[in-house]
Amino acid sequence: MTTATPRRVGNKGPQRLRTGWFVAWLSRPLASFHLVVAIAVLLTVLGLVMVLSASSVESYAGGGSAYSLFIQQAVMAAFGAVVFYIALRIPMRLMRQLSFPVFALSVVLLVLVLIPGVGTKVQGSQRWFDLGVVSVQPSEIAKVTLVVWGSHLLASRQSEKAGYKDILMPLVPAGLLVCLLVVLEPNLSTTIALGIVLTSLLWFGGLPLRMFVTIAVSGVVAATILALSAGYRSDRMRAFFNPGDDPQGIGYQARQAMYSLADGGIWGRGLGQSRAKWSYLPNAHNDFIFAIIGEELGFLGCALVLGLFALFVYAGLRIASRSVDPFIRLLTASATTWITCQALINIGYVVGLLPVTGLQLPLVSAGGSSLAITLLMFGIIANAARHEP
């Protein structure tokens, strides 16, 4: 009597078990929460390391300590961690109740910052409140307040089954008022971010496609007019379409960023070994920090940053799609769109695909107000993840 020999099935069994475990973990409600928290921590830590590397030379050359800008960023990161925890613990009902008063307060701050002697003017832009230890930028606060209040407003309109005019009238004039006040600072980059917030709210709020297209086209036309209205903005547009016309002038920064990225190659020159930060690349620690990441950490470092933001998109939209509360759904989807679009615009102009706008890379670029406000928004999204069914 012969015995049948069992057929080999290879090693697919353990692989399926590992894959099944990962899929099972993703299916847990708290998986989105853990993803959001992990992404916030990783991007913040990466930002602190890269700000230290990119700013040390210029900080020391300016007569101060090589750690001066890094210490400021670290202090604001600690403050951001506090507001992250507060946003994580605040009840959603209370957040909705306070949404309009806080939004109105942010509009008042935008008006006050334009008053001479109240707001601080730096390099031609009056957009900060100098509090001595730190500087506060009201336009950054307005991003969060517009997202929260707009989501509350649209969620209320949906529950009342209001018409499209009722959706547009309260939200669009208020959003345009905020954009106008930010333009007067002047601050086109933040105006673009606010436009993204308003557009995403209308999109996820269910605005008809024909009306949405009309508003989107109007926004693009307005942004183009604003981009060409001021000398330095029109110079940036000219440098983008004709990069070789003035390589030592208006096109210098974008050109040096490309050299910095090319110098990094696949593996990078090594952490702290950038050449561009030795006063060859202006704003290396701020708007163009992605170029320093590419130079020191190489293509793999850039891919890591892109991967983290891609994972953030997955987590944010997953929270929105799984939520049964229309407020949480609108809030999470709009905030995810705003942060992701801002990151893509920053990376886009660093690699030469878009004109230079000055939008920072969220959680990575130097800038205390931007870092703290973005961590606040991540805390709100993590709070929303705790309410998944």
Protein backbone atom coordinates (compact mmCIF):
# COMPACT_ATOMS: atom_id res chain seq x y z
CA MET A 1 0.00 0.00 0.00
CA THR A 2 1.47 3.32 -1.08
CA THR A 3 1.33 6.51 0.93
CA ALA A 4 0.51 9.76 -0.83
CA THR A 5 3.21 12.37 -0.58
CA PRO A 6 1.87 15.74 0.60
CA ARG A 7 2.27 18.49 -1.99
CA ARG A 8 4.46 21.45 -1.10
CA VAL A 9 2.66 24.76 -1.13
CA GLY A 10 5.74 26.89 -0.64
CA ASN A 11 6.00 29.55 2.07
CA LYS A 12 2.84 31.46 1.21
CA GLY A 13 1.23 30.44 4.48
CA PRO A 14 3.43 32.60 6.77
CA GLN A 15 3.20 35.49 4.31
CA ARG A 16 -0.58 35.30 4.33
CA LEU A 17 -0.55 35.18 8.11
CA ARG A 18 1.61 38.29 8.29
CA THR A 19 -0.55 40.10 5.72
CA GLY A 20 -3.70 38.98 7.48
CA TRP A 21 -2.40 40.34 10.78
CA PHE A 22 -1.68 43.73 9.20
CA VAL A 23 -5.11 43.88 7.55
CA ALA A 24 -6.72 42.84 10.84
CA TRP A 25 -4.82 45.60 12.64
CA LEU A 26 -5.97 48.19 10.11
CA SER A 27 -9.56 47.09 10.61
CA ARG A 28 -9.44 48.06 14.28
CA PRO A 29 -11.05 51.44 15.06
CA LEU A 30 -8.00 52.74 16.93
CA ALA A 31 -5.65 51.94 14.04
CA SER A 32 -6.38 55.32 12.45
CA PHE A 33 -5.72 57.05 15.76
CA HIS A 34 -2.35 55.33 16.14
CA LEU A 35 -1.43 56.17 12.54
CA VAL A 36 -2.21 59.88 12.98
CA VAL A 37 -0.26 60.12 16.23
CA ALA A 38 2.72 58.20 14.79
CA ILE A 39 2.81 60.37 11.63
CA ALA A 40 2.67 63.56 13.70
CA VAL A 41 5.54 62.38 15.92
CA LEU A 42 7.72 61.18 13.05
CA LEU A 43 7.28 64.33 10.94
CA THR A 44 7.88 66.60 13.95
CA VAL A 45 11.04 64.76 14.98
CA LEU A 46 12.30 64.75 11.40
CA GLY A 47 11.56 68.47 11.18
CA LEU A 48 13.48 69.24 14.37
CA VAL A 49 16.50 67.28 13.16
CA MET A 50 16.49 68.93 9.74
CA VAL A 51 15.92 72.44 11.15
CA LEU A 52 18.95 71.92 13.39
CA SER A 53 21.02 70.79 10.44
CA ALA A 54 19.81 73.42 7.96
CA SER A 55 19.88 76.44 10.29
CA SER A 56 23.03 75.84 12.34
CA VAL A 57 25.45 77.48 9.90
CA GLU A 58 23.49 80.69 9.32
CA SER A 59 22.58 80.95 13.02
CA TYR A 60 26.25 80.77 13.97
CA ALA A 61 27.30 83.11 11.17
CA GLY A 62 24.75 85.67 12.39
CA GLY A 63 26.67 85.99 15.63
CA GLY A 64 24.49 83.75 17.75
CA SER A 65 24.48 80.16 18.79
CA ALA A 66 24.26 77.43 16.19
CA TYR A 67 21.28 76.10 18.14
CA SER A 68 19.24 79.33 18.39
CA LEU A 69 16.66 78.56 15.68
CA PHE A 70 16.53 74.92 16.71
CA ILE A 71 15.77 75.87 20.33
CA GLN A 72 12.91 78.13 19.18
CA GLN A 73 11.53 75.33 17.05
CA ALA A 74 11.87 72.81 19.89
CA VAL A 75 10.04 75.13 22.30
CA MET A 76 7.18 75.53 19.83
CA ALA A 77 7.15 71.77 19.26
CA ALA A 78 6.71 71.29 23.02
CA PHE A 79 3.91 73.87 23.02
CA GLY A 80 2.41 72.11 19.99
CA ALA A 81 2.44 68.83 21.91
CA VAL A 82 0.41 70.51 24.66
CA VAL A 83 -2.20 71.89 22.24
CA PHE A 84 -2.23 68.50 20.48
CA TYR A 85 -3.24 66.86 23.76
CA ILE A 86 -5.85 69.55 24.49
CA ALA A 87 -7.35 69.11 21.02
CA LEU A 88 -7.33 65.37 21.55
CA ARG A 89 -9.32 65.57 24.78
CA ILE A 90 -11.84 68.33 24.01
CA PRO A 91 -15.38 66.98 23.42
CA MET A 92 -16.66 67.33 19.88
CA ARG A 93 -19.88 68.93 21.10
CA LEU A 94 -17.93 71.66 22.89
CA MET A 95 -15.76 72.14 19.82
CA ARG A 96 -18.85 72.78 17.73
CA GLN A 97 -20.29 75.18 20.30
CA LEU A 98 -17.09 77.24 20.41
CA SER A 99 -16.43 77.13 16.66
CA PHE A 100 -18.08 80.43 15.70
CA PRO A 101 -16.82 82.53 18.67
CA VAL A 102 -13.27 81.32 18.06
CA PHE A 103 -13.59 81.96 14.32
CA ALA A 104 -14.87 85.48 15.00
CA LEU A 105 -11.94 86.04 17.37
CA SER A 106 -9.49 84.97 14.66
CA VAL A 107 -11.06 87.51 12.26
CA VAL A 108 -10.63 90.23 14.90
CA LEU A 109 -6.97 89.25 15.29
CA LEU A 110 -6.51 89.48 11.51
CA VAL A 111 -7.86 93.05 11.66
CA LEU A 112 -5.71 94.00 14.66
CA VAL A 113 -2.49 92.72 13.11
CA LEU A 114 -2.93 95.20 10.24
CA ILE A 115 -2.98 98.19 12.59
CA PRO A 116 0.42 99.97 12.68
CA GLY A 117 1.99 99.66 16.09
CA VAL A 118 -0.06 96.59 16.97
CA GLY A 119 1.15 94.12 14.38
CA THR A 120 4.84 93.60 13.68
CA LYS A 121 6.15 94.29 10.19
CA VAL A 122 8.97 92.08 8.92
CA GLN A 123 10.36 92.22 5.37
CA GLY A 124 7.40 94.22 4.09
CA SER A 125 4.69 91.97 5.57
CA GLN A 126 2.68 92.88 8.65
CA ARG A 127 1.41 89.51 9.81
CA TRP A 128 2.79 88.83 13.31
CA PHE A 129 2.08 89.71 16.93
CA ASP A 130 5.41 89.99 18.74
CA LEU A 131 4.88 88.65 22.26
CA GLY A 132 8.54 88.87 23.22
CA VAL A 133 9.36 85.20 23.64
CA VAL A 134 7.40 84.07 20.57
CA SER A 135 5.65 85.59 17.58
CA VAL A 136 2.07 84.62 16.75
CA GLN A 137 0.69 84.63 13.21
CA PRO A 138 -3.12 85.06 13.26
CA SER A 139 -3.47 83.82 9.68
CA GLU A 140 -2.28 80.38 10.81
CA ILE A 141 -4.96 80.33 13.50
CA ALA A 142 -7.56 81.33 10.92
CA LYS A 143 -6.92 78.12 8.96
CA VAL A 144 -8.01 75.93 11.86
CA THR A 145 -10.95 78.11 12.91
CA LEU A 146 -12.27 78.23 9.34
CA VAL A 147 -12.06 74.43 9.04
CA VAL A 148 -13.86 73.81 12.35
CA TRP A 149 -16.56 76.48 11.96
CA GLY A 150 -17.12 75.67 8.28
CA SER A 151 -17.54 71.98 9.09
CA HIS A 152 -19.99 72.79 11.90
CA LEU A 153 -21.96 75.12 9.64
CA LEU A 154 -22.19 72.69 6.72
CA ALA A 155 -23.06 69.77 9.02
CA SER A 156 -25.89 71.82 10.51
CA ARG A 157 -27.14 72.77 7.05
CA GLN A 158 -27.09 69.12 5.98
CA SER A 159 -29.16 68.08 8.99
CA GLU A 160 -31.65 70.85 8.17
CA LYS A 161 -31.65 69.82 4.49
CA ALA A 162 -30.97 73.42 3.49
CA GLY A 163 -30.59 74.55 -0.10
CA TYR A 164 -27.34 75.35 -1.84
CA LYS A 165 -27.78 79.10 -1.37
CA ASP A 166 -27.96 78.58 2.38
CA ILE A 167 -24.72 76.62 2.19
CA LEU A 168 -22.92 79.33 0.20
CA MET A 169 -24.11 82.53 1.86
CA PRO A 170 -22.71 82.23 5.40
CA LEU A 171 -19.56 80.33 4.55
CA VAL A 172 -18.27 81.84 1.30
CA PRO A 173 -18.49 85.55 2.33
CA ALA A 174 -16.79 84.76 5.65
CA GLY A 175 -14.05 82.78 3.89
CA LEU A 176 -13.51 85.55 1.33
CA LEU A 177 -13.29 88.13 4.14
CA VAL A 178 -10.55 86.12 5.82
CA CYS A 179 -8.71 85.77 2.50
CA LEU A 180 -8.97 89.53 1.90
CA LEU A 181 -7.53 90.36 5.32
CA VAL A 182 -4.62 87.96 4.73
CA VAL A 183 -3.98 89.47 1.26
CA LEU A 184 -3.69 92.91 2.87
CA GLU A 185 -0.79 91.73 5.07
CA PRO A 186 0.34 90.78 2.27
CA ASN A 187 0.58 86.99 2.45
CA LEU A 188 -0.32 85.19 -0.76
CA SER A 189 0.89 81.77 0.39
CA THR A 190 -1.48 81.65 3.38
CA THR A 191 -4.26 83.01 1.17
CA ILE A 192 -3.75 80.00 -1.09
CA ALA A 193 -3.97 77.69 1.93
CA LEU A 194 -7.19 79.37 3.07
CA GLY A 195 -8.56 79.01 -0.45
CA ILE A 196 -7.80 75.28 -0.29
CA VAL A 197 -9.65 75.06 3.03
CA LEU A 198 -12.71 76.85 1.66
CA THR A 199 -12.71 74.81 -1.55
CA SER A 200 -12.41 71.49 0.28
CA LEU A 201 -15.26 72.44 2.63
CA LEU A 202 -17.52 73.19 -0.33
CA TRP A 203 -16.47 70.01 -2.13
CA PHE A 204 -17.07 67.66 0.79
CA GLY A 205 -20.14 69.68 1.76
CA GLY A 206 -21.85 68.46 -1.39
CA LEU A 207 -21.82 71.57 -3.55
CA PRO A 208 -23.01 70.77 -7.12
CA LEU A 209 -20.22 70.27 -9.60
CA ARG A 210 -21.25 73.16 -11.86
CA MET A 211 -21.25 75.63 -8.95
CA PHE A 212 -18.04 74.16 -7.60
CA VAL A 213 -16.31 74.54 -10.98
CA THR A 214 -17.44 78.19 -11.19
CA ILE A 215 -16.05 78.94 -7.73
CA ALA A 216 -12.82 77.04 -8.43
CA VAL A 217 -12.24 78.89 -11.72
CA SER A 218 -12.93 82.23 -10.00
CA GLY A 219 -10.41 81.31 -7.31
CA VAL A 220 -7.75 80.42 -9.87
CA VAL A 221 -8.32 83.71 -11.72
CA ALA A 222 -8.11 85.68 -8.46
CA ALA A 223 -4.91 83.88 -7.44
CA THR A 224 -3.39 84.61 -10.86
CA ILE A 225 -4.25 88.31 -10.60
CA LEU A 226 -2.76 88.46 -7.11
CA ALA A 227 0.35 86.62 -8.29
CA LEU A 228 0.92 89.20 -11.03
CA SER A 229 -0.11 92.29 -9.06
CA ALA A 230 3.02 92.67 -6.89
CA GLY A 231 6.56 92.96 -8.18
CA TYR A 232 8.11 90.11 -6.23
CA ARG A 233 5.21 87.77 -7.02
CA SER A 234 5.30 88.51 -10.73
CA ASP A 235 9.08 87.98 -10.63
CA ARG A 236 8.49 84.50 -9.19
CA MET A 237 6.07 83.68 -12.00
CA ARG A 238 8.53 84.96 -14.58
CA ALA A 239 11.33 82.91 -13.02
CA PHE A 240 9.15 79.79 -13.15
CA PHE A 241 8.29 80.11 -16.84
CA ASN A 242 11.76 81.35 -17.81
CA PRO A 243 14.15 79.76 -15.31
CA GLY A 244 17.29 80.58 -17.28
CA ASP A 245 16.67 84.32 -17.72
CA ASP A 246 18.07 85.46 -14.36
CA PRO A 247 19.94 82.54 -12.72
CA GLN A 248 21.81 84.81 -10.30
CA GLY A 249 18.75 86.92 -9.43
CA ILE A 250 15.13 85.91 -9.05
CA GLY A 251 15.80 82.37 -10.29
CA TYR A 252 18.71 81.78 -7.91
CA GLN A 253 16.78 80.13 -5.08
CA ALA A 254 14.93 77.60 -7.22
CA ARG A 255 18.12 76.83 -9.14
CA GLN A 256 20.11 76.19 -5.96
CA ALA A 257 17.35 73.93 -4.67
CA MET A 258 17.65 71.77 -7.78
CA TYR A 259 21.44 71.60 -7.36
CA SER A 260 20.95 70.59 -3.73
CA LEU A 261 18.54 67.78 -4.64
CA ALA A 262 20.83 66.54 -7.40
CA ASP A 263 23.80 66.54 -5.04
CA GLY A 264 22.03 64.12 -2.69
CA GLY A 265 21.54 61.31 -5.19
CA ILE A 266 19.96 58.11 -3.95
CA TRP A 267 21.56 57.77 -0.52
CA GLY A 268 22.36 61.40 0.31
CA ARG A 269 25.56 63.03 1.52
CA GLY A 270 24.81 62.19 5.14
CA LEU A 271 23.01 63.95 7.94
CA GLY A 272 24.59 67.35 8.59
CA GLN A 273 26.75 67.21 5.44
CA SER A 274 24.78 69.61 3.24
CA ARG A 275 26.73 72.10 1.16
CA ALA A 276 23.75 74.26 0.23
CA LYS A 277 23.11 75.32 3.83
CA TRP A 278 26.43 77.19 3.81
CA SER A 279 24.60 80.32 2.56
CA TYR A 280 24.15 78.90 -0.95
CA LEU A 281 20.39 78.24 -0.57
CA PRO A 282 18.28 81.03 0.97
CA ASN A 283 15.63 79.92 3.49
CA ALA A 284 17.13 76.45 3.60
CA HIS A 285 15.60 75.80 7.02
CA ASN A 286 12.16 77.09 6.08
CA ASP A 287 10.54 77.08 2.63
CA PHE A 288 13.25 74.93 1.01
CA ILE A 289 13.96 72.43 3.76
CA PHE A 290 12.83 69.60 1.45
CA ALA A 291 15.90 70.34 -0.70
CA ILE A 292 18.15 69.86 2.35
CA ILE A 293 16.38 66.59 3.11
CA GLY A 294 17.10 65.47 -0.44
CA GLU A 295 20.74 66.51 -0.20
CA GLU A 296 21.50 64.97 3.18
CA LEU A 297 19.15 61.94 3.17
CA GLY A 298 18.92 61.45 -0.59
CA PHE A 299 16.03 60.13 -2.61
CA LEU A 300 15.23 57.68 0.18
CA GLY A 301 14.74 60.52 2.66
CA CYS A 302 12.44 62.35 0.23
CA ALA A 303 10.52 59.12 -0.36
CA LEU A 304 10.11 58.74 3.41
CA VAL A 305 8.54 62.19 3.67
CA LEU A 306 6.23 61.51 0.73
CA GLY A 307 5.33 58.12 2.20
CA LEU A 308 4.39 59.65 5.55
CA PHE A 309 2.12 62.20 3.90
CA ALA A 310 0.58 59.46 1.72
CA LEU A 311 -0.10 57.44 4.86
CA PHE A 312 -1.63 60.55 6.43
CA VAL A 313 -3.98 60.90 3.45
CA TYR A 314 -5.02 57.27 3.87
CA ALA A 315 -5.61 57.65 7.61
CA GLY A 316 -7.47 60.98 7.33
CA LEU A 317 -9.81 59.90 4.54
CA ARG A 318 -10.32 56.55 6.28
CA ILE A 319 -11.50 58.37 9.42
CA ALA A 320 -13.82 60.54 7.33
CA SER A 321 -15.30 57.60 5.40
CA ARG A 322 -15.92 55.52 8.53
CA SER A 323 -17.50 58.32 10.56
CA VAL A 324 -21.28 58.53 10.94
CA ASP A 325 -21.16 62.13 12.23
CA PRO A 326 -21.31 64.63 9.31
CA PHE A 327 -19.33 67.19 11.33
CA ILE A 328 -16.45 64.78 11.92
CA ARG A 329 -16.61 63.64 8.31
CA LEU A 330 -16.39 67.19 6.92
CA LEU A 331 -13.78 68.29 9.46
CA THR A 332 -11.42 65.36 8.89
CA ALA A 333 -11.69 65.31 5.10
CA SER A 334 -11.18 69.09 4.77
CA ALA A 335 -8.27 69.21 7.21
CA THR A 336 -6.57 66.26 5.51
CA THR A 337 -6.97 67.95 2.12
CA TRP A 338 -5.57 71.26 3.40
CA ILE A 339 -2.45 69.77 5.04
CA THR A 340 -1.75 67.42 2.14
CA CYS A 341 -2.18 70.09 -0.54
CA GLN A 342 0.09 72.44 1.39
CA ALA A 343 2.76 69.73 1.54
CA LEU A 344 2.41 68.96 -2.17
CA ILE A 345 2.66 72.65 -3.11
CA ASN A 346 5.82 73.06 -1.03
CA ILE A 347 7.42 69.95 -2.50
CA GLY A 348 6.20 70.94 -5.96
CA TYR A 349 7.99 74.29 -6.02
CA VAL A 350 11.15 72.85 -4.44
CA VAL A 351 11.46 70.29 -7.26
CA GLY A 352 10.55 72.89 -9.90
CA LEU A 353 7.04 71.74 -10.81
CA LEU A 354 5.29 74.83 -9.39
CA PRO A 355 6.11 78.53 -8.93
CA VAL A 356 7.59 79.46 -5.55
CA THR A 357 4.75 80.43 -3.20
CA GLY A 358 6.32 80.37 0.26
CA LEU A 359 4.02 77.70 1.72
CA GLN A 360 5.85 75.71 4.38
CA LEU A 361 6.20 71.94 4.59
CA PRO A 362 3.82 71.02 7.45
CA LEU A 363 5.55 69.94 10.69
CA VAL A 364 8.96 69.96 8.98
CA SER A 365 9.78 73.55 7.97
CA ALA A 366 10.97 76.04 10.58
CA GLY A 367 8.20 78.31 11.86
CA GLY A 368 6.78 78.19 15.36
CA SER A 369 3.21 79.31 14.63
CA SER A 370 2.84 76.93 11.70
CA LEU A 371 4.23 73.99 13.69
CA ALA A 372 1.97 74.56 16.71
CA ILE A 373 -1.16 75.13 14.63
CA THR A 374 -0.51 72.06 12.48
CA LEU A 375 -0.04 69.93 15.61
CA LEU A 376 -3.32 71.37 16.90
CA MET A 377 -5.01 70.23 13.67
CA PHE A 378 -3.43 66.79 13.96
CA GLY A 379 -4.80 66.61 17.51
CA ILE A 380 -8.30 67.40 16.24
CA ILE A 381 -7.99 64.69 13.58
CA ALA A 382 -6.76 62.20 16.19
CA ASN A 383 -9.74 63.19 18.34
CA ALA A 384 -12.02 62.43 15.42
CA ALA A 385 -10.33 59.01 15.05
CA ARG A 386 -11.37 58.18 18.63
CA HIS A 387 -15.01 58.53 17.58
CA GLU A 388 -14.85 55.89 14.84
CA PRO A 389 -17.68 53.35 15.15
